[in-house]
Amino acid sequence: MSVLNMMKIVAAIITTAFLVGCANTPVGSGDYGVNQTRSAGSVETGKVVDIREVTIREDSRTAFGSRGGVGAAAGAAAGALLGDNVGSGRGRQVARTVGAGAGAVAGSHVDRELASQSGLEIEVRKSNGRHVVVTQGDDQDFHVGQHVRLIEHGRTYRVAP
């Protein structure tokens, strides 16, 4: 394998890691989307009844997730580059195709794993005695018995100290 081909492979792998690694969407109590700013919300108080650690994953709306398949595309490109260094003629074409397919599958898997994050399922007993469960990122520390604020914006809830 030539030095130029090796440099292409390294560049493809670094690009794949960079593109996939930038894809995480934070979902903690302090994370707001633009459409949730400058809008009225409501606040209730309550007490934490139970806490469970969970893993928050991106919804898989399509075979490649809802972010458009960045990991799959980058993996396919890297796989095709690797396959381009195998054999010659028809064998190289087959290796390129197989490499692209395997790279797409691997890149999609890496993309989904990097998009997952640790979270908390927090059960809160509101002041009116009703219970509500909120799942959010683990950017805050909570403990059972802690008094908290339950913040609502539309259909989105957050638990905050």
C-alpha atoms as a PDB file:
ATOM      1  CA  MET A   1       0.000   0.000   0.000  1.00  0.00           C
ATOM      2  CA  SER A   2       1.384   3.398  -0.959  1.00  0.00           C
ATOM      3  CA  VAL A   3       1.910   6.261   1.458  1.00  0.00           C
ATOM      4  CA  LEU A   4      -0.712   8.318  -0.417  1.00  0.00           C
ATOM      5  CA  ASN A   5      -3.336   5.589  -0.004  1.00  0.00           C
ATOM      6  CA  MET A   6      -2.482   5.234   3.681  1.00  0.00           C
ATOM      7  CA  MET A   7      -2.903   8.998   4.128  1.00  0.00           C
ATOM      8  CA  LYS A   8      -6.320   8.812   2.427  1.00  0.00           C
ATOM      9  CA  ILE A   9      -7.434   6.075   4.799  1.00  0.00           C
ATOM     10  CA  VAL A  10      -6.238   7.950   7.885  1.00  0.00           C
ATOM     11  CA  ALA A  11      -7.966  11.139   6.667  1.00  0.00           C
ATOM     12  CA  ALA A  12     -11.221   9.221   6.081  1.00  0.00           C
ATOM     13  CA  ILE A  13     -11.123   7.679   9.561  1.00  0.00           C
ATOM     14  CA  ILE A  14     -10.402  11.036  11.247  1.00  0.00           C
ATOM     15  CA  THR A  15     -13.195  12.716   9.271  1.00  0.00           C
ATOM     16  CA  THR A  16     -15.615   9.926  10.199  1.00  0.00           C
ATOM     17  CA  ALA A  17     -14.772  10.205  13.888  1.00  0.00           C
ATOM     18  CA  PHE A  18     -15.132  13.992  13.805  1.00  0.00           C
ATOM     19  CA  LEU A  19     -18.482  14.012  12.000  1.00  0.00           C
ATOM     20  CA  VAL A  20     -19.985  11.275  14.126  1.00  0.00           C
ATOM     21  CA  GLY A  21     -18.616  12.643  17.391  1.00  0.00           C
ATOM     22  CA  CYS A  22     -20.282  16.024  16.882  1.00  0.00           C
ATOM     23  CA  ALA A  23     -23.735  14.515  16.601  1.00  0.00           C
ATOM     24  CA  ASN A  24     -24.869  14.254  20.242  1.00  0.00           C
ATOM     25  CA  THR A  25     -28.017  16.204  21.186  1.00  0.00           C
ATOM     26  CA  PRO A  26     -27.983  17.203  24.878  1.00  0.00           C
ATOM     27  CA  VAL A  27     -31.179  16.569  26.852  1.00  0.00           C
ATOM     28  CA  GLY A  28     -30.324  17.798  30.341  1.00  0.00           C
ATOM     29  CA  SER A  29     -32.414  20.032  32.568  1.00  0.00           C
ATOM     30  CA  GLY A  30     -30.517  23.117  31.376  1.00  0.00           C
ATOM     31  CA  ASP A  31     -30.740  22.359  27.631  1.00  0.00           C
ATOM     32  CA  TYR A  32     -33.330  24.315  25.659  1.00  0.00           C
ATOM     33  CA  GLY A  33     -34.169  24.368  21.968  1.00  0.00           C
ATOM     34  CA  VAL A  34     -34.533  27.709  20.219  1.00  0.00           C
ATOM     35  CA  ASN A  35     -38.308  27.213  19.983  1.00  0.00           C
ATOM     36  CA  GLN A  36     -38.492  26.954  23.802  1.00  0.00           C
ATOM     37  CA  THR A  37     -36.853  30.307  24.487  1.00  0.00           C
ATOM     38  CA  ARG A  38     -38.785  33.511  25.143  1.00  0.00           C
ATOM     39  CA  SER A  39     -41.939  31.510  25.768  1.00  0.00           C
ATOM     40  CA  ALA A  40     -43.987  31.213  28.929  1.00  0.00           C
ATOM     41  CA  GLY A  41     -43.752  28.035  30.944  1.00  0.00           C
ATOM     42  CA  SER A  42     -45.096  26.895  34.276  1.00  0.00           C
ATOM     43  CA  VAL A  43     -43.399  25.733  37.461  1.00  0.00           C
ATOM     44  CA  GLU A  44     -44.648  23.401  40.169  1.00  0.00           C
ATOM     45  CA  THR A  45     -42.794  22.168  43.194  1.00  0.00           C
ATOM     46  CA  GLY A  46     -42.468  18.630  44.400  1.00  0.00           C
ATOM     47  CA  LYS A  47     -40.313  16.052  46.073  1.00  0.00           C
ATOM     48  CA  VAL A  48     -38.188  13.345  44.416  1.00  0.00           C
ATOM     49  CA  VAL A  49     -39.680   9.926  45.184  1.00  0.00           C
ATOM     50  CA  ASP A  50     -37.469   7.666  43.048  1.00  0.00           C
ATOM     51  CA  ILE A  51     -34.523   7.918  40.657  1.00  0.00           C
ATOM     52  CA  ARG A  52     -33.430   5.374  38.072  1.00  0.00           C
ATOM     53  CA  GLU A  53     -30.408   5.578  35.770  1.00  0.00           C
ATOM     54  CA  VAL A  54     -31.298   5.167  32.093  1.00  0.00           C
ATOM     55  CA  THR A  55     -29.640   5.422  28.691  1.00  0.00           C
ATOM     56  CA  ILE A  56     -31.112   7.961  26.300  1.00  0.00           C
ATOM     57  CA  ARG A  57     -30.784   6.985  22.654  1.00  0.00           C
ATOM     58  CA  GLU A  58     -31.747   8.753  19.477  1.00  0.00           C
ATOM     59  CA  ASP A  59     -35.039   7.629  17.986  1.00  0.00           C
ATOM     60  CA  SER A  60     -34.405   5.246  15.088  1.00  0.00           C
ATOM     61  CA  ARG A  61     -36.942   6.627  12.650  1.00  0.00           C
ATOM     62  CA  THR A  62     -35.050   5.278   9.670  1.00  0.00           C
ATOM     63  CA  ALA A  63     -32.495   2.567   9.101  1.00  0.00           C
ATOM     64  CA  PHE A  64     -29.783   5.182   9.651  1.00  0.00           C
ATOM     65  CA  GLY A  65     -31.440   7.150  12.479  1.00  0.00           C
ATOM     66  CA  SER A  66     -33.036  10.565  12.239  1.00  0.00           C
ATOM     67  CA  ARG A  67     -29.835  12.613  11.796  1.00  0.00           C
ATOM     68  CA  GLY A  68     -29.568  11.750   8.126  1.00  0.00           C
ATOM     69  CA  GLY A  69     -27.012   8.960   8.208  1.00  0.00           C
ATOM     70  CA  VAL A  70     -23.825  10.971   8.717  1.00  0.00           C
ATOM     71  CA  GLY A  71     -22.078   8.000  10.318  1.00  0.00           C
ATOM     72  CA  ALA A  72     -23.292   5.619   7.616  1.00  0.00           C
ATOM     73  CA  ALA A  73     -22.127   7.921   4.817  1.00  0.00           C
ATOM     74  CA  ALA A  74     -18.728   8.517   6.392  1.00  0.00           C
ATOM     75  CA  GLY A  75     -18.339   4.787   7.123  1.00  0.00           C
ATOM     76  CA  ALA A  76     -19.265   3.918   3.545  1.00  0.00           C
ATOM     77  CA  ALA A  77     -16.661   6.346   2.213  1.00  0.00           C
ATOM     78  CA  ALA A  78     -13.965   4.963   4.511  1.00  0.00           C
ATOM     79  CA  GLY A  79     -14.928   1.365   3.607  1.00  0.00           C
ATOM     80  CA  ALA A  80     -14.800   2.128  -0.110  1.00  0.00           C
ATOM     81  CA  LEU A  81     -11.345   3.696   0.288  1.00  0.00           C
ATOM     82  CA  LEU A  82     -10.133   0.619   2.133  1.00  0.00           C
ATOM     83  CA  GLY A  83     -11.642  -1.670  -0.501  1.00  0.00           C
ATOM     84  CA  ASP A  84      -9.926   0.328  -3.222  1.00  0.00           C
ATOM     85  CA  ASN A  85      -6.600  -1.017  -1.935  1.00  0.00           C
ATOM     86  CA  VAL A  86      -7.560  -4.666  -2.420  1.00  0.00           C
ATOM     87  CA  GLY A  87      -6.959  -6.570  -5.633  1.00  0.00           C
ATOM     88  CA  SER A  88      -7.326  -5.171  -9.109  1.00  0.00           C
ATOM     89  CA  GLY A  89      -9.964  -4.974 -11.838  1.00  0.00           C
ATOM     90  CA  ARG A  90     -13.252  -6.709 -10.970  1.00  0.00           C
ATOM     91  CA  GLY A  91     -11.878  -7.866  -7.574  1.00  0.00           C
ATOM     92  CA  ARG A  92     -11.142  -4.284  -6.596  1.00  0.00           C
ATOM     93  CA  GLN A  93     -14.662  -3.246  -7.622  1.00  0.00           C
ATOM     94  CA  VAL A  94     -16.170  -6.009  -5.468  1.00  0.00           C
ATOM     95  CA  ALA A  95     -13.878  -5.101  -2.537  1.00  0.00           C
ATOM     96  CA  ARG A  96     -14.895  -1.444  -2.859  1.00  0.00           C
ATOM     97  CA  THR A  97     -18.604  -2.368  -2.838  1.00  0.00           C
ATOM     98  CA  VAL A  98     -18.274  -4.752   0.108  1.00  0.00           C
ATOM     99  CA  GLY A  99     -16.125  -2.219   1.975  1.00  0.00           C
ATOM    100  CA  ALA A 100     -18.691   0.536   1.405  1.00  0.00           C
ATOM    101  CA  GLY A 101     -21.540  -1.678   2.634  1.00  0.00           C
ATOM    102  CA  ALA A 102     -19.671  -2.854   5.723  1.00  0.00           C
ATOM    103  CA  GLY A 103     -18.490   0.692   6.433  1.00  0.00           C
ATOM    104  CA  ALA A 104     -22.050   2.025   6.193  1.00  0.00           C
ATOM    105  CA  VAL A 105     -23.306  -0.537   8.708  1.00  0.00           C
ATOM    106  CA  ALA A 106     -20.384   0.076  11.079  1.00  0.00           C
ATOM    107  CA  GLY A 107     -20.641   3.866  10.732  1.00  0.00           C
ATOM    108  CA  SER A 108     -24.380   3.788  11.417  1.00  0.00           C
ATOM    109  CA  HIS A 109     -23.804   1.708  14.556  1.00  0.00           C
ATOM    110  CA  VAL A 110     -21.047   4.024  15.807  1.00  0.00           C
ATOM    111  CA  ASP A 111     -23.269   7.034  15.050  1.00  0.00           C
ATOM    112  CA  ARG A 112     -26.121   5.633  17.175  1.00  0.00           C
ATOM    113  CA  GLU A 113     -23.799   4.698  20.047  1.00  0.00           C
ATOM    114  CA  LEU A 114     -22.131   8.100  20.126  1.00  0.00           C
ATOM    115  CA  ALA A 115     -25.560   9.755  20.066  1.00  0.00           C
ATOM    116  CA  SER A 116     -26.607   7.946  23.263  1.00  0.00           C
ATOM    117  CA  GLN A 117     -26.068   9.483  26.656  1.00  0.00           C
ATOM    118  CA  SER A 118     -26.675   8.641  30.283  1.00  0.00           C
ATOM    119  CA  GLY A 119     -29.815   9.978  31.857  1.00  0.00           C
ATOM    120  CA  LEU A 120     -32.145   9.806  34.816  1.00  0.00           C
ATOM    121  CA  GLU A 121     -35.765   8.798  35.155  1.00  0.00           C
ATOM    122  CA  ILE A 122     -36.958  10.972  38.043  1.00  0.00           C
ATOM    123  CA  GLU A 123     -40.275  10.331  39.775  1.00  0.00           C
ATOM    124  CA  VAL A 124     -41.606  13.453  41.485  1.00  0.00           C
ATOM    125  CA  ARG A 125     -44.588  13.754  43.843  1.00  0.00           C
ATOM    126  CA  LYS A 126     -46.043  17.170  43.088  1.00  0.00           C
ATOM    127  CA  SER A 127     -47.442  19.434  45.804  1.00  0.00           C
ATOM    128  CA  ASN A 128     -50.975  18.322  44.851  1.00  0.00           C
ATOM    129  CA  GLY A 129     -50.048  14.680  45.610  1.00  0.00           C
ATOM    130  CA  ARG A 130     -49.963  13.487  41.976  1.00  0.00           C
ATOM    131  CA  HIS A 131     -46.853  11.751  40.662  1.00  0.00           C
ATOM    132  CA  VAL A 132     -45.049  12.516  37.423  1.00  0.00           C
ATOM    133  CA  VAL A 133     -42.016  10.841  35.847  1.00  0.00           C
ATOM    134  CA  VAL A 134     -39.510  12.860  33.829  1.00  0.00           C
ATOM    135  CA  THR A 135     -36.610  11.404  31.854  1.00  0.00           C
ATOM    136  CA  GLN A 136     -33.725  13.771  31.172  1.00  0.00           C
ATOM    137  CA  GLY A 137     -29.949  13.920  30.896  1.00  0.00           C
ATOM    138  CA  ASP A 138     -27.951  13.454  34.091  1.00  0.00           C
ATOM    139  CA  ASP A 139     -26.506  16.976  34.192  1.00  0.00           C
ATOM    140  CA  GLN A 140     -27.822  17.555  37.738  1.00  0.00           C
ATOM    141  CA  ASP A 141     -27.477  15.514  40.921  1.00  0.00           C
ATOM    142  CA  PHE A 142     -30.739  14.501  42.582  1.00  0.00           C
ATOM    143  CA  HIS A 143     -31.531  12.419  45.648  1.00  0.00           C
ATOM    144  CA  VAL A 144     -34.714  10.868  47.014  1.00  0.00           C
ATOM    145  CA  GLY A 145     -36.508  13.312  49.310  1.00  0.00           C
ATOM    146  CA  GLN A 146     -35.053  16.387  47.589  1.00  0.00           C
ATOM    147  CA  HIS A 147     -37.425  19.319  46.953  1.00  0.00           C
ATOM    148  CA  VAL A 148     -37.341  20.203  43.245  1.00  0.00           C
ATOM    149  CA  ARG A 149     -38.982  22.403  40.648  1.00  0.00           C
ATOM    150  CA  LEU A 150     -40.939  20.750  37.856  1.00  0.00           C
ATOM    151  CA  ILE A 151     -40.670  23.059  34.835  1.00  0.00           C
ATOM    152  CA  GLU A 152     -43.100  22.704  31.927  1.00  0.00           C
ATOM    153  CA  HIS A 153     -42.775  24.245  28.470  1.00  0.00           C
ATOM    154  CA  GLY A 154     -45.545  22.938  26.235  1.00  0.00           C
ATOM    155  CA  ARG A 155     -45.220  19.158  26.338  1.00  0.00           C
ATOM    156  CA  THR A 156     -41.648  19.246  27.654  1.00  0.00           C
ATOM    157  CA  TYR A 157     -40.892  18.801  31.358  1.00  0.00           C
ATOM    158  CA  ARG A 158     -37.655  19.283  33.259  1.00  0.00           C
ATOM    159  CA  VAL A 159     -36.716  18.626  36.865  1.00  0.00           C
ATOM    160  CA  ALA A 160     -34.433  21.246  38.416  1.00  0.00           C
ATOM    161  CA  PRO A 161     -33.117  21.816  41.948  1.00  0.00           C
END
